[in-house]
C-alpha atoms as a PDB file:
ATOM      1  CA  MET A   1       0.000   0.000   0.000  1.00  0.00           C
ATOM      2  CA  ARG A   2       1.206   3.487  -0.844  1.00  0.00           C
ATOM      3  CA  ARG A   3       2.149   5.493   2.240  1.00  0.00           C
ATOM      4  CA  ILE A   4       0.613   8.934   2.591  1.00  0.00           C
ATOM      5  CA  SER A   5       2.701  12.022   3.202  1.00  0.00           C
ATOM      6  CA  MET A   6       3.268  13.542   6.615  1.00  0.00           C
ATOM      7  CA  ALA A   7       1.159  16.565   5.729  1.00  0.00           C
ATOM      8  CA  ALA A   8      -1.771  14.349   4.682  1.00  0.00           C
ATOM      9  CA  ARG A   9      -1.407  12.310   7.865  1.00  0.00           C
ATOM     10  CA  ASP A  10      -1.525  15.452  10.010  1.00  0.00           C
ATOM     11  CA  GLU A  11      -4.661  16.633   8.200  1.00  0.00           C
ATOM     12  CA  LEU A  12      -6.282  13.226   8.678  1.00  0.00           C
ATOM     13  CA  VAL A  13      -5.448  13.165  12.384  1.00  0.00           C
ATOM     14  CA  ALA A  14      -6.847  16.684  12.840  1.00  0.00           C
ATOM     15  CA  ALA A  15     -10.079  15.674  11.052  1.00  0.00           C
ATOM     16  CA  ILE A  16     -10.888  12.479  12.971  1.00  0.00           C
ATOM     17  CA  ALA A  17      -9.201  13.026  16.332  1.00  0.00           C
ATOM     18  CA  GLY A  18     -12.326  14.743  17.710  1.00  0.00           C
ATOM     19  CA  ARG A  19     -14.693  11.920  16.678  1.00  0.00           C
ATOM     20  CA  TYR A  20     -12.230   9.372  18.053  1.00  0.00           C
ATOM     21  CA  ALA A  21     -12.158  11.093  21.450  1.00  0.00           C
ATOM     22  CA  GLN A  22     -15.957  11.425  21.702  1.00  0.00           C
ATOM     23  CA  GLY A  23     -16.970   8.026  20.275  1.00  0.00           C
ATOM     24  CA  ASP A  24     -17.672   4.874  22.211  1.00  0.00           C
ATOM     25  CA  ARG A  25     -15.529   1.741  22.156  1.00  0.00           C
ATOM     26  CA  ALA A  26     -17.069   0.294  18.977  1.00  0.00           C
ATOM     27  CA  GLU A  27     -16.871   3.581  17.075  1.00  0.00           C
ATOM     28  CA  ARG A  28     -13.259   4.150  18.152  1.00  0.00           C
ATOM     29  CA  GLY A  29     -12.441   0.661  16.890  1.00  0.00           C
ATOM     30  CA  ARG A  30     -13.936   1.405  13.454  1.00  0.00           C
ATOM     31  CA  ILE A  31     -12.127   4.755  13.231  1.00  0.00           C
ATOM     32  CA  LEU A  32      -8.883   3.097  14.270  1.00  0.00           C
ATOM     33  CA  ASP A  33      -9.283   0.358  11.644  1.00  0.00           C
ATOM     34  CA  GLU A  34      -9.927   2.905   8.871  1.00  0.00           C
ATOM     35  CA  PHE A  35      -7.026   5.124   9.948  1.00  0.00           C
ATOM     36  CA  ALA A  36      -4.625   2.166  10.109  1.00  0.00           C
ATOM     37  CA  ALA A  37      -5.815   0.920   6.692  1.00  0.00           C
ATOM     38  CA  VAL A  38      -5.335   4.332   5.046  1.00  0.00           C
ATOM     39  CA  THR A  39      -1.989   5.222   6.600  1.00  0.00           C
ATOM     40  CA  GLY A  40      -0.473   1.745   6.889  1.00  0.00           C
ATOM     41  CA  PHE A  41       0.541   2.412  10.495  1.00  0.00           C
ATOM     42  CA  HIS A  42       0.488  -0.149  13.271  1.00  0.00           C
ATOM     43  CA  ARG A  43      -2.639  -0.006  15.424  1.00  0.00           C
ATOM     44  CA  LYS A  44      -0.684   0.973  18.542  1.00  0.00           C
ATOM     45  CA  HIS A  45       1.057   3.807  16.687  1.00  0.00           C
ATOM     46  CA  ALA A  46      -2.224   4.931  15.123  1.00  0.00           C
ATOM     47  CA  MET A  47      -3.885   4.868  18.564  1.00  0.00           C
ATOM     48  CA  ARG A  48      -1.176   7.138  20.013  1.00  0.00           C
ATOM     49  CA  LEU A  49      -1.556   9.592  17.152  1.00  0.00           C
ATOM     50  CA  LEU A  50      -5.340   9.803  17.515  1.00  0.00           C
ATOM     51  CA  ARG A  51      -5.118  10.188  21.294  1.00  0.00           C
ATOM     52  CA  ALA A  52      -2.588  13.013  20.955  1.00  0.00           C
ATOM     53  CA  GLY A  53      -4.881  14.890  18.596  1.00  0.00           C
ATOM     54  CA  GLN A  54      -3.713  17.620  16.184  1.00  0.00           C
ATOM     55  CA  VAL A  55       0.023  17.726  15.536  1.00  0.00           C
ATOM     56  CA  THR A  56       1.683  21.144  15.640  1.00  0.00           C
ATOM     57  CA  ARG A  57       4.831  21.235  13.514  1.00  0.00           C
ATOM     58  CA  ARG A  58       7.413  23.952  13.177  1.00  0.00           C
ATOM     59  CA  CYS A  59       7.622  25.681   9.805  1.00  0.00           C
ATOM     60  CA  GLY A  60      10.989  26.509   8.300  1.00  0.00           C
ATOM     61  CA  PRO A  61      14.438  25.444   9.453  1.00  0.00           C
ATOM     62  CA  ARG A  62      14.933  24.186  12.976  1.00  0.00           C
ATOM     63  CA  PRO A  63      16.315  26.932  15.200  1.00  0.00           C
ATOM     64  CA  GLY A  64      19.648  26.025  16.679  1.00  0.00           C
ATOM     65  CA  ARG A  65      22.501  27.577  18.597  1.00  0.00           C
ATOM     66  CA  ARG A  66      25.203  28.883  16.301  1.00  0.00           C
ATOM     67  CA  VAL A  67      28.549  27.820  17.675  1.00  0.00           C
ATOM     68  CA  TYR A  68      30.774  29.405  15.013  1.00  0.00           C
ATOM     69  CA  ASP A  69      30.105  33.116  14.810  1.00  0.00           C
ATOM     70  CA  GLU A  70      31.285  35.688  12.265  1.00  0.00           C
ATOM     71  CA  ALA A  71      34.680  36.079  13.954  1.00  0.00           C
ATOM     72  CA  VAL A  72      35.430  32.393  13.464  1.00  0.00           C
ATOM     73  CA  ARG A  73      34.251  32.589   9.857  1.00  0.00           C
ATOM     74  CA  GLU A  74      36.501  35.578   9.109  1.00  0.00           C
ATOM     75  CA  ALA A  75      39.511  33.792  10.620  1.00  0.00           C
ATOM     76  CA  LEU A  76      38.633  30.677   8.624  1.00  0.00           C
ATOM     77  CA  ILE A  77      38.562  32.683   5.389  1.00  0.00           C
ATOM     78  CA  VAL A  78      42.047  34.077   6.091  1.00  0.00           C
ATOM     79  CA  VAL A  79      43.447  30.589   6.719  1.00  0.00           C
ATOM     80  CA  TRP A  80      41.605  29.234   3.668  1.00  0.00           C
ATOM     81  CA  GLU A  81      43.165  31.897   1.427  1.00  0.00           C
ATOM     82  CA  ALA A  82      46.607  31.146   2.862  1.00  0.00           C
ATOM     83  CA  SER A  83      46.147  27.439   2.050  1.00  0.00           C
ATOM     84  CA  ASP A  84      45.443  28.223  -1.643  1.00  0.00           C
ATOM     85  CA  ARG A  85      41.698  27.629  -1.214  1.00  0.00           C
ATOM     86  CA  ILE A  86      41.752  23.884  -0.626  1.00  0.00           C
ATOM     87  CA  CYS A  87      38.663  21.906   0.348  1.00  0.00           C
ATOM     88  CA  GLY A  88      37.454  21.333   3.895  1.00  0.00           C
ATOM     89  CA  LYS A  89      38.715  17.750   4.151  1.00  0.00           C
ATOM     90  CA  ARG A  90      42.254  18.821   3.288  1.00  0.00           C
ATOM     91  CA  LEU A  91      42.131  22.050   5.287  1.00  0.00           C
ATOM     92  CA  ARG A  92      40.909  20.468   8.546  1.00  0.00           C
ATOM     93  CA  PRO A  93      44.125  18.542   9.446  1.00  0.00           C
ATOM     94  CA  LEU A  94      46.236  21.559   8.411  1.00  0.00           C
ATOM     95  CA  LEU A  95      44.451  24.068  10.633  1.00  0.00           C
ATOM     96  CA  PRO A  96      46.682  23.669  13.746  1.00  0.00           C
ATOM     97  CA  ILE A  97      49.849  23.977  11.649  1.00  0.00           C
ATOM     98  CA  LEU A  98      48.634  26.939   9.588  1.00  0.00           C
ATOM     99  CA  VAL A  99      47.224  28.855  12.548  1.00  0.00           C
ATOM    100  CA  GLU A 100      50.405  28.387  14.576  1.00  0.00           C
ATOM    101  CA  ALA A 101      52.636  29.431  11.657  1.00  0.00           C
ATOM    102  CA  MET A 102      50.520  32.466  10.738  1.00  0.00           C
ATOM    103  CA  GLU A 103      50.433  33.630  14.365  1.00  0.00           C
ATOM    104  CA  ARG A 104      54.189  33.175  14.680  1.00  0.00           C
ATOM    105  CA  HIS A 105      54.857  35.329  11.610  1.00  0.00           C
ATOM    106  CA  GLY A 106      52.304  37.972  12.553  1.00  0.00           C
ATOM    107  CA  HIS A 107      49.778  37.250   9.799  1.00  0.00           C
ATOM    108  CA  LEU A 108      46.987  36.230  12.180  1.00  0.00           C
ATOM    109  CA  GLN A 109      46.004  37.362  15.654  1.00  0.00           C
ATOM    110  CA  LEU A 110      43.147  35.504  17.374  1.00  0.00           C
ATOM    111  CA  VAL A 111      41.633  35.760  20.813  1.00  0.00           C
ATOM    112  CA  PRO A 112      41.670  32.493  22.774  1.00  0.00           C
ATOM    113  CA  GLU A 113      37.931  31.825  22.319  1.00  0.00           C
ATOM    114  CA  VAL A 114      38.018  32.269  18.541  1.00  0.00           C
ATOM    115  CA  ARG A 115      41.205  30.211  18.269  1.00  0.00           C
ATOM    116  CA  THR A 116      39.677  27.338  20.253  1.00  0.00           C
ATOM    117  CA  ARG A 117      36.537  27.299  18.114  1.00  0.00           C
ATOM    118  CA  LEU A 118      38.525  27.523  14.888  1.00  0.00           C
ATOM    119  CA  LEU A 119      40.673  24.519  15.789  1.00  0.00           C
ATOM    120  CA  ALA A 120      37.578  22.508  16.778  1.00  0.00           C
ATOM    121  CA  ILE A 121      35.679  23.087  13.540  1.00  0.00           C
ATOM    122  CA  SER A 122      34.886  20.048  11.369  1.00  0.00           C
ATOM    123  CA  ALA A 123      35.458  19.570   7.652  1.00  0.00           C
ATOM    124  CA  ALA A 124      31.734  19.689   6.844  1.00  0.00           C
ATOM    125  CA  THR A 125      31.302  22.917   8.794  1.00  0.00           C
ATOM    126  CA  ILE A 126      34.281  24.408   6.954  1.00  0.00           C
ATOM    127  CA  ASP A 127      32.618  23.729   3.600  1.00  0.00           C
ATOM    128  CA  ARG A 128      29.320  25.190   4.809  1.00  0.00           C
ATOM    129  CA  ALA A 129      30.986  28.314   6.214  1.00  0.00           C
ATOM    130  CA  LEU A 130      32.943  28.886   2.994  1.00  0.00           C
ATOM    131  CA  ARG A 131      30.041  28.193   0.619  1.00  0.00           C
ATOM    132  CA  ASP A 132      29.186  31.844  -0.034  1.00  0.00           C
ATOM    133  CA  ILE A 133      32.762  33.060  -0.367  1.00  0.00           C
ATOM    134  CA  ARG A 134      33.554  30.216  -2.764  1.00  0.00           C
ATOM    135  CA  GLN A 135      30.670  31.175  -5.010  1.00  0.00           C
ATOM    136  CA  GLN A 136      31.825  34.790  -4.999  1.00  0.00           C
ATOM    137  CA  ALA A 137      35.403  33.770  -5.783  1.00  0.00           C
ATOM    138  CA  GLY A 138      34.308  31.404  -8.545  1.00  0.00           C
ATOM    139  CA  THR A 139      35.966  28.337  -7.000  1.00  0.00           C
ATOM    140  CA  ALA A 140      32.814  26.397  -6.111  1.00  0.00           C
ATOM    141  CA  THR A 141      32.730  24.176  -9.202  1.00  0.00           C
ATOM    142  CA  ARG A 142      35.733  25.168 -11.306  1.00  0.00           C
ATOM    143  CA  ARG A 143      39.026  23.536 -10.528  1.00  0.00           C
ATOM    144  CA  ARG A 144      41.986  25.842 -10.457  1.00  0.00           C
ATOM    145  CA  SER A 145      44.862  25.095 -12.799  1.00  0.00           C
ATOM    146  CA  ALA A 146      48.287  24.327 -11.445  1.00  0.00           C
ATOM    147  CA  PRO A 147      50.606  27.316 -10.866  1.00  0.00           C
ATOM    148  CA  SER A 148      53.138  25.880 -13.334  1.00  0.00           C
ATOM    149  CA  ALA A 149      50.552  25.848 -16.147  1.00  0.00           C
ATOM    150  CA  ALA A 150      50.783  29.613 -16.656  1.00  0.00           C
ATOM    151  CA  ILE A 151      54.575  29.402 -16.577  1.00  0.00           C
ATOM    152  CA  ARG A 152      54.574  26.668 -19.227  1.00  0.00           C
ATOM    153  CA  ARG A 153      52.426  28.808 -21.493  1.00  0.00           C
ATOM    154  CA  SER A 154      54.923  31.654 -21.206  1.00  0.00           C
ATOM    155  CA  VAL A 155      57.944  29.457 -22.100  1.00  0.00           C
ATOM    156  CA  PRO A 156      58.296  28.703 -25.835  1.00  0.00           C
ATOM    157  CA  VAL A 157      58.483  25.111 -27.079  1.00  0.00           C
ATOM    158  CA  ARG A 158      61.565  23.943 -28.974  1.00  0.00           C
ATOM    159  CA  THR A 159      61.567  20.606 -30.784  1.00  0.00           C
ATOM    160  CA  PHE A 160      64.347  18.643 -32.479  1.00  0.00           C
ATOM    161  CA  ASP A 161      63.926  20.559 -35.736  1.00  0.00           C
ATOM    162  CA  GLY A 162      64.191  23.932 -34.029  1.00  0.00           C
ATOM    163  CA  TRP A 163      67.906  23.858 -33.233  1.00  0.00           C
ATOM    164  CA  ASN A 164      69.380  24.578 -36.726  1.00  0.00           C
ATOM    165  CA  ASP A 165      73.004  23.826 -35.733  1.00  0.00           C
ATOM    166  CA  PRO A 166      73.296  26.212 -32.772  1.00  0.00           C
ATOM    167  CA  SER A 167      76.551  27.750 -31.648  1.00  0.00           C
ATOM    168  CA  PRO A 168      78.169  26.535 -28.401  1.00  0.00           C
ATOM    169  CA  GLY A 169      76.252  27.756 -25.363  1.00  0.00           C
ATOM    170  CA  PHE A 170      72.815  26.269 -25.978  1.00  0.00           C
ATOM    171  CA  VAL A 171      72.433  23.417 -23.514  1.00  0.00           C
ATOM    172  CA  GLU A 172      69.855  20.876 -22.473  1.00  0.00           C
ATOM    173  CA  ALA A 173      69.225  20.526 -18.736  1.00  0.00           C
ATOM    174  CA  ASP A 174      67.838  17.564 -16.858  1.00  0.00           C
ATOM    175  CA  LEU A 175      67.675  16.134 -13.356  1.00  0.00           C
ATOM    176  CA  VAL A 176      68.738  12.535 -12.726  1.00  0.00           C
ATOM    177  CA  ALA A 177      67.476  10.955  -9.507  1.00  0.00           C
ATOM    178  CA  HIS A 178      69.850   8.589  -7.675  1.00  0.00           C
ATOM    179  CA  SER A 179      67.082   6.801  -5.800  1.00  0.00           C
ATOM    180  CA  GLY A 180      67.739   3.228  -6.811  1.00  0.00           C
ATOM    181  CA  PRO A 181      64.765   0.965  -7.519  1.00  0.00           C
ATOM    182  CA  VAL A 182      62.246   2.953  -5.429  1.00  0.00           C
ATOM    183  CA  ALA A 183      61.826   6.745  -5.588  1.00  0.00           C
ATOM    184  CA  LYS A 184      60.983   7.098  -1.891  1.00  0.00           C
ATOM    185  CA  GLY A 185      62.603   9.155   0.801  1.00  0.00           C
ATOM    186  CA  SER A 186      65.511  11.568   0.436  1.00  0.00           C
ATOM    187  CA  PHE A 187      68.118  11.084  -2.244  1.00  0.00           C
ATOM    188  CA  VAL A 188      70.580  13.146  -4.238  1.00  0.00           C
ATOM    189  CA  GLN A 189      69.776  14.364  -7.725  1.00  0.00           C
ATOM    190  CA  THR A 190      72.216  15.456 -10.406  1.00  0.00           C
ATOM    191  CA  LEU A 191      71.688  18.541 -12.534  1.00  0.00           C
ATOM    192  CA  VAL A 192      73.200  17.858 -15.946  1.00  0.00           C
ATOM    193  CA  LEU A 193      73.938  20.464 -18.600  1.00  0.00           C
ATOM    194  CA  THR A 194      74.852  19.147 -22.060  1.00  0.00           C
ATOM    195  CA  ASP A 195      75.849  21.478 -24.865  1.00  0.00           C
ATOM    196  CA  ILE A 196      74.075  20.730 -28.141  1.00  0.00           C
ATOM    197  CA  ALA A 197      76.878  21.767 -30.463  1.00  0.00           C
ATOM    198  CA  THR A 198      79.942  20.304 -28.727  1.00  0.00           C
ATOM    199  CA  GLY A 199      78.528  17.721 -26.300  1.00  0.00           C
ATOM    200  CA  TRP A 200      80.330  19.390 -23.384  1.00  0.00           C
ATOM    201  CA  THR A 201      78.704  18.156 -20.155  1.00  0.00           C
ATOM    202  CA  GLU A 202      78.744  19.598 -16.661  1.00  0.00           C
ATOM    203  CA  CYS A 203      77.163  17.897 -13.629  1.00  0.00           C
ATOM    204  CA  ALA A 204      76.384  19.116 -10.128  1.00  0.00           C
ATOM    205  CA  PRO A 205      74.513  17.469  -7.228  1.00  0.00           C
ATOM    206  CA  LEU A 206      71.320  18.752  -5.635  1.00  0.00           C
ATOM    207  CA  LEU A 207      70.365  17.589  -2.167  1.00  0.00           C
ATOM    208  CA  VAL A 208      66.716  18.594  -2.633  1.00  0.00           C
ATOM    209  CA  ARG A 209      64.461  19.485  -5.557  1.00  0.00           C
ATOM    210  CA  GLU A 210      64.127  23.193  -4.890  1.00  0.00           C
ATOM    211  CA  GLN A 211      63.931  25.933  -7.509  1.00  0.00           C
ATOM    212  CA  ARG A 212      66.066  28.512  -5.724  1.00  0.00           C
ATOM    213  CA  LEU A 213      68.764  25.933  -5.017  1.00  0.00           C
ATOM    214  CA  LEU A 214      68.623  24.925  -8.684  1.00  0.00           C
ATOM    215  CA  THR A 215      69.331  28.487  -9.818  1.00  0.00           C
ATOM    216  CA  GLU A 216      72.277  28.723  -7.413  1.00  0.00           C
ATOM    217  CA  VAL A 217      73.741  25.478  -8.740  1.00  0.00           C
ATOM    218  CA  LEU A 218      73.110  26.653 -12.294  1.00  0.00           C
ATOM    219  CA  GLY A 219      75.094  29.808 -11.544  1.00  0.00           C
ATOM    220  CA  GLU A 220      78.021  27.715 -10.321  1.00  0.00           C
ATOM    221  CA  LEU A 221      77.908  25.541 -13.428  1.00  0.00           C
ATOM    222  CA  ARG A 222      78.010  28.633 -15.635  1.00  0.00           C
ATOM    223  CA  LYS A 223      81.417  29.427 -14.164  1.00  0.00           C
ATOM    224  CA  LEU A 224      82.726  26.003 -15.207  1.00  0.00           C
ATOM    225  CA  LEU A 225      81.589  26.198 -18.826  1.00  0.00           C
ATOM    226  CA  PRO A 226      84.283  27.211 -21.352  1.00  0.00           C
ATOM    227  CA  PHE A 227      81.703  29.355 -23.184  1.00  0.00           C
ATOM    228  CA  PRO A 228      78.871  31.641 -22.068  1.00  0.00           C
ATOM    229  CA  LEU A 229      75.486  30.058 -21.428  1.00  0.00           C
ATOM    230  CA  LEU A 230      73.152  31.322 -24.180  1.00  0.00           C
ATOM    231  CA  GLY A 231      70.162  28.975 -24.014  1.00  0.00           C
ATOM    232  CA  LEU A 232      68.599  26.552 -21.549  1.00  0.00           C
ATOM    233  CA  ASP A 233      66.222  23.841 -22.784  1.00  0.00           C
ATOM    234  CA  THR A 234      64.432  21.705 -20.185  1.00  0.00           C
ATOM    235  CA  ASP A 235      61.475  19.371 -19.847  1.00  0.00           C
ATOM    236  CA  ASN A 236      58.149  20.322 -18.275  1.00  0.00           C
ATOM    237  CA  ASP A 237      59.137  19.390 -14.731  1.00  0.00           C
ATOM    238  CA  SER A 238      57.826  21.787 -12.091  1.00  0.00           C
ATOM    239  CA  VAL A 239      61.330  22.280 -10.736  1.00  0.00           C
ATOM    240  CA  PHE A 240      62.129  24.051 -14.031  1.00  0.00           C
ATOM    241  CA  MET A 241      58.691  25.480 -14.909  1.00  0.00           C
ATOM    242  CA  ASN A 242      58.441  28.158 -12.215  1.00  0.00           C
ATOM    243  CA  GLU A 243      58.876  31.878 -11.844  1.00  0.00           C
ATOM    244  CA  THR A 244      62.253  31.578 -10.112  1.00  0.00           C
ATOM    245  CA  VAL A 245      64.001  29.770 -12.975  1.00  0.00           C
ATOM    246  CA  ARG A 246      62.194  31.793 -15.639  1.00  0.00           C
ATOM    247  CA  ASP A 247      63.101  35.135 -14.069  1.00  0.00           C
ATOM    248  CA  TYR A 248      66.693  33.978 -13.508  1.00  0.00           C
ATOM    249  CA  CYS A 249      67.102  33.176 -17.200  1.00  0.00           C
ATOM    250  CA  LYS A 250      65.494  36.465 -18.183  1.00  0.00           C
ATOM    251  CA  GLN A 251      67.799  38.512 -15.968  1.00  0.00           C
ATOM    252  CA  ALA A 252      70.893  36.596 -17.120  1.00  0.00           C
ATOM    253  CA  GLY A 253      69.990  36.911 -20.815  1.00  0.00           C
ATOM    254  CA  ILE A 254      69.554  33.145 -21.246  1.00  0.00           C
ATOM    255  CA  GLU A 255      67.025  31.892 -23.786  1.00  0.00           C
ATOM    256  CA  PHE A 256      64.684  29.615 -21.827  1.00  0.00           C
ATOM    257  CA  THR A 257      62.799  26.950 -23.821  1.00  0.00           C
ATOM    258  CA  ARG A 258      61.060  23.664 -23.091  1.00  0.00           C
ATOM    259  CA  CYS A 259      60.107  20.474 -24.871  1.00  0.00           C
ATOM    260  CA  ARG A 260      56.620  19.499 -25.917  1.00  0.00           C
ATOM    261  CA  PRO A 261      54.675  17.937 -23.001  1.00  0.00           C
ATOM    262  CA  ILE A 262      54.327  14.137 -22.969  1.00  0.00           C
ATOM    263  CA  ALA A 263      56.561  13.743 -25.990  1.00  0.00           C
ATOM    264  CA  ARG A 264      59.870  12.138 -25.145  1.00  0.00           C
ATOM    265  CA  THR A 265      60.994  11.989 -28.786  1.00  0.00           C
ATOM    266  CA  THR A 266      61.130  15.784 -29.165  1.00  0.00           C
ATOM    267  CA  ARG A 267      64.335  16.108 -27.122  1.00  0.00           C
ATOM    268  CA  ARG A 268      67.603  14.464 -27.993  1.00  0.00           C
ATOM    269  CA  GLY A 269      68.035  13.006 -24.536  1.00  0.00           C
ATOM    270  CA  TRP A 270      71.754  13.663 -24.430  1.00  0.00           C
ATOM    271  CA  SER A 271      71.707  15.082 -20.924  1.00  0.00           C
ATOM    272  CA  ARG A 272      70.150  11.979 -19.350  1.00  0.00           C
ATOM    273  CA  ARG A 273      72.487   9.563 -21.140  1.00  0.00           C
ATOM    274  CA  MET A 274      75.512  11.652 -20.240  1.00  0.00           C
ATOM    275  CA  ALA A 275      74.340  11.837 -16.630  1.00  0.00           C
ATOM    276  CA  GLN A 276      74.046   8.075 -16.437  1.00  0.00           C
ATOM    277  CA  SER A 277      77.564   7.710 -17.758  1.00  0.00           C
ATOM    278  CA  CYS A 278      78.824  10.206 -15.163  1.00  0.00           C
ATOM    279  CA  ALA A 279      76.800   8.804 -12.280  1.00  0.00           C
ATOM    280  CA  ALA A 280      78.106   6.500  -9.598  1.00  0.00           C
ATOM    281  CA  PRO A 281      78.420   2.855 -10.694  1.00  0.00           C
ATOM    282  CA  SER A 282      76.409   1.682  -7.675  1.00  0.00           C
ATOM    283  CA  ALA A 283      73.435   3.852  -8.621  1.00  0.00           C
ATOM    284  CA  ILE A 284      73.517   2.578 -12.194  1.00  0.00           C
ATOM    285  CA  ALA A 285      73.810  -1.022 -11.028  1.00  0.00           C
ATOM    286  CA  ALA A 286      70.874  -0.599  -8.684  1.00  0.00           C
ATOM    287  CA  SER A 287      68.734   0.821 -11.466  1.00  0.00           C
ATOM    288  CA  ARG A 288      69.627  -2.084 -13.765  1.00  0.00           C
ATOM    289  CA  VAL A 289      69.208  -4.935 -11.302  1.00  0.00           C
ATOM    290  CA  TRP A 290      65.605  -4.232 -10.275  1.00  0.00           C
ATOM    291  CA  LYS A 291      63.656  -5.243 -13.390  1.00  0.00           C
ATOM    292  CA  PRO A 292      60.954  -7.751 -12.435  1.00  0.00           C
ATOM    293  CA  ARG A 293      59.177  -9.478 -15.300  1.00  0.00           C
ATOM    294  CA  ARG A 294      55.524  -8.662 -15.593  1.00  0.00           C
ATOM    295  CA  HIS A 295      54.337 -12.132 -16.621  1.00  0.00           C
ATOM    296  CA  TRP A 296      56.791 -14.444 -14.893  1.00  0.00           C
ATOM    297  CA  ARG A 297      53.986 -16.582 -13.421  1.00  0.00           C
ATOM    298  CA  ALA A 298      52.555 -17.256 -16.859  1.00  0.00           C
ATOM    299  CA  CYS A 299      55.877 -18.060 -18.503  1.00  0.00           C
ATOM    300  CA  THR A 300      56.270 -21.498 -20.065  1.00  0.00           C
ATOM    301  CA  PRO A 301      59.508 -23.434 -20.589  1.00  0.00           C
ATOM    302  CA  ARG A 302      59.472 -22.311 -24.237  1.00  0.00           C
ATOM    303  CA  CYS A 303      58.863 -18.651 -23.394  1.00  0.00           C
ATOM    304  CA  ALA A 304      61.411 -16.185 -24.726  1.00  0.00           C
ATOM    305  CA  CYS A 305      61.754 -14.602 -21.266  1.00  0.00           C
ATOM    306  CA  SER A 306      63.363 -17.740 -19.821  1.00  0.00           C
END
């Protein structure tokens, strides 16, 4: 049987509750049978509803005590902007770290009550509190592009056919990770510069992948080159595609270019091969030993892999 709506049930209770209260035992039984047949309720539940009479329901949203006031919302917006406008699930575990760092550097000053409420807020409440500001900022449904995307658009693309026998000084740059079989944890990386015209190669280690450190190492490698650095061609790695490296090349008068994205055949690949030849033998051996076969369980005695 199709269940009636709550509004129809309330109207039905209001219409027959008076007759149910004034009727005798037999009449109350007939009214109860009809009400239970129409609504589908159990007789005990229907009896309680008819005895209670007309139901008074609140209209509109349920009034509740607002725990997070406007001061907490304003502080949340400041922290949200500092976190690059991430979602509530990602922002919630970062709140203690961000608030402590912003207070330490003088970017945020909160009274103890507001600070306690801000650190106790949940991820769902964060999304609800930021709903209006996200719609105003245009970040409610549109995903923001990565910061390196705008940098990549500003750096011209150079393919294999675009060199045209360059003079010495135009180099390809690449980073070679000495991580062994698993790229996990901390490991040294080698910045390799290979000249296109002469094949001259210079290498320098980097303890971390950091753009400012990369420009400092690049400045030291420029002193070791027997010719001035005229052009720098890299891949689309974020360690190269950033404002620090781009502005460094612009100030130094170095032509900064990149390869086509997701196209390994557009670059000659000299820098990576030269880096492997200059790398430590242990790192090369580790990279060559770990090569598990994908279908070793299915191999047969006549398989070419054996």
